[in-house]
Protein backbone atom coordinates (compact mmCIF):
# COMPACT_ATOMS: atom_id res chain seq x y z
CA UNK A 1 0.00 0.00 0.00
CA UNK A 2 2.84 2.39 0.85
CA UNK A 3 4.36 1.90 -2.61
CA UNK A 4 0.99 2.46 -4.27
CA UNK A 5 0.50 5.74 -2.39
CA UNK A 6 3.97 6.93 -3.37
CA UNK A 7 3.27 6.14 -7.02
CA UNK A 8 0.00 8.07 -6.80
CA UNK A 9 1.87 11.01 -5.34
CA UNK A 10 4.49 10.87 -8.08
CA UNK A 11 1.74 10.91 -10.68
CA UNK A 12 -0.04 13.84 -9.05
CA UNK A 13 3.01 16.01 -8.61
CA UNK A 14 4.67 15.39 -11.98
CA UNK A 15 1.56 16.49 -13.82
CA UNK A 16 3.29 19.28 -15.74
CA UNK A 17 5.13 16.58 -17.68
CA UNK A 18 2.07 14.47 -18.37
CA UNK A 19 -1.05 14.63 -20.50
CA UNK A 20 -4.15 16.16 -18.95
CA UNK A 21 -6.41 14.30 -21.37
CA UNK A 22 -7.21 11.29 -19.22
CA UNK A 23 -7.41 12.69 -15.71
CA UNK A 24 -9.84 10.71 -13.58
CA UNK A 25 -11.73 12.80 -11.04
CA UNK A 26 -13.33 11.49 -7.86
CA UNK A 27 -15.68 13.31 -5.49
CA UNK A 28 -15.79 12.32 -1.82
CA UNK A 29 -18.47 13.65 0.54
CA UNK A 30 -17.24 14.73 3.98
CA UNK A 31 -20.56 16.29 4.99
CA UNK A 32 -23.72 17.48 3.27
CA UNK A 33 -22.02 20.75 2.31
CA UNK A 34 -18.34 19.77 2.04
CA UNK A 35 -16.74 17.55 -0.59
CA UNK A 36 -13.21 16.76 -1.70
CA UNK A 37 -12.32 16.50 -5.38
CA UNK A 38 -9.34 14.36 -6.33
CA UNK A 39 -7.84 14.92 -9.76
CA UNK A 40 -4.31 15.77 -10.79
CA UNK A 41 -2.70 18.25 -8.44
CA UNK A 42 -3.58 19.34 -4.94
CA UNK A 43 -6.80 18.06 -3.39
CA UNK A 44 -9.70 20.50 -3.84
CA UNK A 45 -12.26 21.12 -1.08
CA UNK A 46 -15.68 22.24 -2.31
CA UNK A 47 -18.17 23.98 -0.02
CA UNK A 48 -21.74 24.25 -1.31
CA UNK A 49 -24.84 25.71 0.31
CA UNK A 50 -27.44 28.44 0.27
CA UNK A 51 -24.81 31.16 -0.15
CA UNK A 52 -23.17 29.51 -3.13
CA UNK A 53 -19.87 27.72 -3.72
CA UNK A 54 -16.27 28.18 -2.68
CA UNK A 55 -13.14 26.12 -3.23
CA UNK A 56 -9.87 25.47 -1.51
CA UNK A 57 -7.23 25.18 -4.26
CA UNK A 58 -7.90 24.70 -7.98
CA UNK A 59 -5.20 22.44 -9.48
CA UNK A 60 -4.03 23.23 -13.05
CA UNK A 61 -5.36 25.67 -15.64
CA UNK A 62 -5.89 22.96 -18.26
CA UNK A 63 -8.24 21.17 -15.87
CA UNK A 64 -10.47 24.14 -15.00
CA UNK A 65 -13.30 23.20 -17.37
CA UNK A 66 -13.32 19.63 -16.08
CA UNK A 67 -13.24 20.85 -12.48
CA UNK A 68 -16.20 23.15 -13.17
CA UNK A 69 -18.14 20.15 -14.52
CA UNK A 70 -17.40 18.23 -11.33
CA UNK A 71 -18.56 21.17 -9.22
CA UNK A 72 -21.79 21.42 -11.23
CA UNK A 73 -22.69 17.91 -10.08
CA UNK A 74 -22.99 19.38 -6.59
CA UNK A 75 -24.38 22.83 -7.38
CA UNK A 76 -24.60 24.95 -10.55
CA UNK A 77 -22.78 28.25 -10.82
CA UNK A 78 -19.30 29.68 -10.44
CA UNK A 79 -17.52 29.60 -7.07
CA UNK A 80 -17.75 32.87 -5.16
CA UNK A 81 -14.30 32.32 -3.63
CA UNK A 82 -11.16 30.28 -4.24
CA UNK A 83 -8.81 29.93 -1.27
CA UNK A 84 -5.18 29.03 -2.03
CA UNK A 85 -3.35 26.99 0.61
CA UNK A 86 -0.02 28.18 -0.90
CA UNK A 87 1.43 29.40 -4.21
CA UNK A 88 2.51 26.23 -6.02
CA UNK A 89 1.05 25.80 -9.48
CA UNK A 90 -0.69 22.49 -8.82
CA UNK A 91 -2.84 24.36 -6.27
CA UNK A 92 -3.19 27.78 -7.96
CA UNK A 93 -3.05 26.95 -11.68
CA UNK A 94 -6.77 27.51 -12.14
CA UNK A 95 -6.84 30.91 -10.41
CA UNK A 96 -7.04 32.94 -13.61
CA UNK A 97 -9.80 30.82 -15.14
CA UNK A 98 -11.92 30.90 -12.01
CA UNK A 99 -11.31 34.63 -11.52
CA UNK A 100 -12.49 35.31 -15.07
CA UNK A 101 -15.65 33.35 -14.21
CA UNK A 102 -16.27 35.62 -11.22
CA UNK A 103 -14.43 33.94 -8.34
CA UNK A 104 -12.51 35.98 -5.76
CA UNK A 105 -9.15 34.47 -4.83
CA UNK A 106 -8.07 34.55 -1.17
CA UNK A 107 -4.59 33.70 0.16
CA UNK A 108 -1.82 34.72 2.52
CA UNK A 109 0.16 37.88 1.69
CA UNK A 110 3.21 35.83 0.70
CA UNK A 111 1.16 33.91 -1.85
CA UNK A 112 0.16 37.23 -3.38
CA UNK A 113 3.80 38.31 -3.53
CA UNK A 114 5.02 35.06 -5.09
CA UNK A 115 2.23 34.93 -7.66
CA UNK A 116 2.84 38.59 -8.53
CA UNK A 117 6.51 37.80 -9.08
CA UNK A 118 5.56 34.96 -11.42
CA UNK A 119 2.55 36.40 -13.27
CA UNK A 120 2.93 40.17 -12.89
CA UNK A 121 1.00 42.98 -11.21
CA UNK A 122 -2.70 42.92 -12.03
CA UNK A 123 -2.77 39.28 -13.14
CA UNK A 124 -5.99 37.36 -12.57
CA UNK A 125 -3.86 34.68 -10.90
CA UNK A 126 -3.35 36.98 -7.91
CA UNK A 127 -5.53 37.01 -4.79
CA UNK A 128 -7.90 39.96 -4.47
CA UNK A 129 -7.99 39.45 -0.71
CA UNK A 130 -4.91 38.58 1.35
CA UNK A 131 -4.23 38.31 5.07
CA UNK A 132 -1.26 38.12 7.43
CA UNK A 133 -2.16 35.65 10.19
CA UNK A 134 -5.77 34.53 10.04
CA UNK A 135 -9.22 35.30 8.72
CA UNK A 136 -12.62 33.63 8.89
CA UNK A 137 -15.04 33.07 6.02
CA UNK A 138 -18.67 32.94 7.16
CA UNK A 139 -20.40 31.30 4.20
CA UNK A 140 -22.76 28.36 3.58
CA UNK A 141 -23.66 28.09 7.27
CA UNK A 142 -19.99 27.36 7.94
CA UNK A 143 -17.24 29.23 9.74
CA UNK A 144 -14.02 28.42 7.92
CA UNK A 145 -10.94 29.78 9.65
CA UNK A 146 -7.84 30.31 7.52
CA UNK A 147 -4.75 30.11 9.68
CA UNK A 148 -1.22 30.89 8.50
CA UNK A 149 1.69 28.75 9.68
CA UNK A 150 5.01 30.42 8.97
CA UNK A 151 7.89 28.76 7.13
CA UNK A 152 6.29 25.33 6.82
CA UNK A 153 5.92 23.78 3.35
CA UNK A 154 6.51 27.34 2.03
CA UNK A 155 6.35 30.81 3.58
CA UNK A 156 2.70 31.27 2.61
CA UNK A 157 0.86 28.20 3.90
CA UNK A 158 -2.70 28.36 5.19
CA UNK A 159 -4.61 25.62 6.98
CA UNK A 160 -8.40 25.84 6.72
CA UNK A 161 -10.47 24.71 9.71
CA UNK A 162 -14.17 24.00 9.03
CA UNK A 163 -15.97 24.37 12.35
CA UNK A 164 -19.37 22.87 11.56
CA UNK A 165 -18.13 20.11 9.24
CA UNK A 166 -15.34 19.24 11.71
CA UNK A 167 -12.79 19.07 8.92
CA UNK A 168 -9.43 20.62 8.14
CA UNK A 169 -7.62 21.20 4.82
CA UNK A 170 -3.87 21.21 5.43
CA UNK A 171 -2.53 21.84 1.94
CA UNK A 172 0.97 20.52 1.38
CA UNK A 173 1.90 20.74 5.04
CA UNK A 174 0.50 17.20 5.03
CA UNK A 175 1.46 14.71 2.32
CA UNK A 176 -0.61 11.59 3.06
CA UNK A 177 1.49 9.37 0.81
CA UNK A 178 3.38 7.23 3.29
CA UNK A 179 6.63 9.14 2.97
CA UNK A 180 8.33 12.43 3.80
CA UNK A 181 7.06 15.79 2.52
CA UNK A 182 8.54 18.26 0.07
CA UNK A 183 9.94 21.14 2.12
CA UNK A 184 10.33 24.01 -0.35
CA UNK A 185 13.33 25.69 1.25
CA UNK A 186 13.73 28.04 -1.72
CA UNK A 187 10.21 29.36 -1.04
CA UNK A 188 10.78 29.90 2.67
CA UNK A 189 9.79 26.44 3.85
CA UNK A 190 11.40 24.56 6.74
CA UNK A 191 11.19 21.16 8.38
CA UNK A 192 10.70 22.74 11.81
CA UNK A 193 7.86 24.82 10.41
CA UNK A 194 6.12 21.75 9.01
CA UNK A 195 6.45 19.97 12.36
CA UNK A 196 5.09 23.01 14.21
CA UNK A 197 2.14 23.34 11.84
CA UNK A 198 1.28 19.66 12.24
CA UNK A 199 1.54 19.88 16.03
CA UNK A 200 -0.59 23.03 16.18
CA UNK A 201 -3.21 21.46 13.93
CA UNK A 202 -3.30 18.32 16.08
CA UNK A 203 -4.00 20.49 19.12
CA UNK A 204 -7.09 21.94 17.42
CA UNK A 205 -8.78 18.79 16.10
CA UNK A 206 -10.37 15.69 17.61
CA UNK A 207 -10.81 12.01 16.81
CA UNK A 208 -13.76 12.71 14.52
CA UNK A 209 -12.08 15.44 12.45
CA UNK A 210 -11.76 14.71 8.76
CA UNK A 211 -8.22 15.63 7.69
CA UNK A 212 -7.72 16.69 4.06
CA UNK A 213 -4.07 16.47 2.95
CA UNK A 214 -2.59 18.37 0.05
CA UNK A 215 -2.00 15.03 -1.67
CA UNK A 216 -3.31 11.58 -0.87
CA UNK A 217 -6.59 10.36 0.62
CA UNK A 218 -8.63 12.11 3.29
CA UNK A 219 -7.79 10.65 6.69
CA UNK A 220 -8.02 11.33 10.43
CA UNK A 221 -6.19 12.52 13.53
CA UNK A 222 -4.38 9.22 14.25
CA UNK A 223 -2.90 9.27 10.75
CA UNK A 224 -1.73 12.84 11.28
CA UNK A 225 -0.15 11.77 14.57
CA UNK A 226 1.70 9.01 12.71
CA UNK A 227 2.89 11.60 10.18
CA UNK A 228 4.16 13.81 13.02
CA UNK A 229 6.09 10.88 14.49
CA UNK A 230 7.69 10.23 11.10
CA UNK A 231 8.71 13.89 10.78
CA UNK A 232 10.25 13.89 14.25
CA UNK A 233 12.13 10.67 13.53
CA UNK A 234 13.44 12.08 10.26
CA UNK A 235 14.59 15.24 12.01
CA UNK A 236 16.33 13.20 14.71
CA UNK A 237 18.36 11.07 12.30
CA UNK A 238 19.25 14.13 10.22
CA UNK A 239 20.44 16.15 13.25
CA UNK A 240 22.52 13.18 14.38
CA UNK A 241 24.05 12.76 10.92
CA UNK A 242 24.84 16.49 10.73
CA UNK A 243 26.60 16.59 14.12
CA UNK A 244 30.13 17.92 14.19
CA UNK A 245 29.50 20.27 11.29
CA UNK A 246 29.41 17.58 8.60
CA UNK A 247 29.07 18.78 5.04
CA UNK A 248 26.10 18.06 2.81
CA UNK A 249 28.24 15.64 0.80
CA UNK A 250 29.16 13.72 3.96
CA UNK A 251 25.53 13.50 5.04
CA UNK A 252 24.40 12.38 1.58
CA UNK A 253 27.03 9.65 1.64
CA UNK A 254 25.83 8.48 5.06
CA UNK A 255 22.20 8.25 3.85
CA UNK A 256 20.65 8.84 7.29
CA UNK A 257 17.06 8.69 6.06
CA UNK A 258 17.55 5.12 4.84
CA UNK A 259 17.06 4.07 8.47
CA UNK A 260 13.37 4.96 8.10
CA UNK A 261 12.91 2.33 5.37
CA UNK A 262 10.68 4.53 3.21
CA UNK A 263 9.80 4.39 -0.46
CA UNK A 264 10.53 7.52 -2.50
CA UNK A 265 9.05 8.84 -5.72
CA UNK A 266 10.98 9.79 -8.84
CA UNK A 267 10.20 13.48 -8.47
CA UNK A 268 11.27 13.55 -4.80
CA UNK A 269 14.05 10.96 -4.32
CA UNK A 270 15.78 10.32 -1.01
CA UNK A 271 18.80 12.40 -2.02
CA UNK A 272 16.63 15.45 -2.70
CA UNK A 273 14.73 15.08 0.57
CA UNK A 274 18.02 14.73 2.45
CA UNK A 275 19.39 17.84 0.74
CA UNK A 276 16.31 19.93 1.54
CA UNK A 277 16.22 18.77 5.15
CA UNK A 278 19.96 19.48 5.50
CA UNK A 279 19.51 23.00 4.14
CA UNK A 280 16.54 23.60 6.41
CA UNK A 281 18.25 22.31 9.54
CA UNK A 282 21.40 24.30 8.70
CA UNK A 283 19.52 27.58 8.40
CA UNK A 284 20.39 30.33 10.92
CA UNK A 285 16.88 30.38 12.41
CA UNK A 286 16.89 26.64 13.11
CA UNK A 287 17.10 25.44 16.69
CA UNK A 288 18.05 21.79 17.27
């Protein structure tokens, strides 16, 4: 099963090199008003109700028409809002298409800055509403709190807590694929930040909470606790391997993460994970 999940993750996250012609979508109901849409890219949460529709993440631009068809199975009309969990293209690629259809994009300030750098001032890809720490969307008889966790997967991550549905969308802070996450150090991410975000999220949910990862199947609090334990174990073996000021080359040769006996995908091999974790744990702000 672990190998299957890793292969699914590799397929999802290497989508820019693959055809979009045969993407298979799947809708999963978490409550009467909240669904998850699996496709190719980050998992999409869809809220529907008397007020309308809003999404969390929107995958790739080439899939927007197909995604709209999936949404129409639940409720006709364009989403009023699209919330981005972070700036990566497999979560924000549809921003422009949905904005042109009338959706208002919401994200953390750093997502705005990174999308502006990529697409330019005034682009429809950019959020029209951004925030610094948290905000709450009162819509569809739901109170969805967007909470920013600094320097986690990136520097612009938001976790969305659905109060009434008792669900949480974690974006790419949580990869539910049976292996270690992608820590985007070049976009302000850090291993310590991921661990902190996971721990803070665990403190806010209960045994009945439905946990939506950025990639992989919807799961629960015990699975997120297992993920936290894996992150802490990975950090421990990395810190030990880095002791005495060892160079990246020395740590790569030692292969410390091999002790975890994990399966890695082609797009995120063990060497790349080791390198990113080394860079993160070597950063000036890091505290062992």
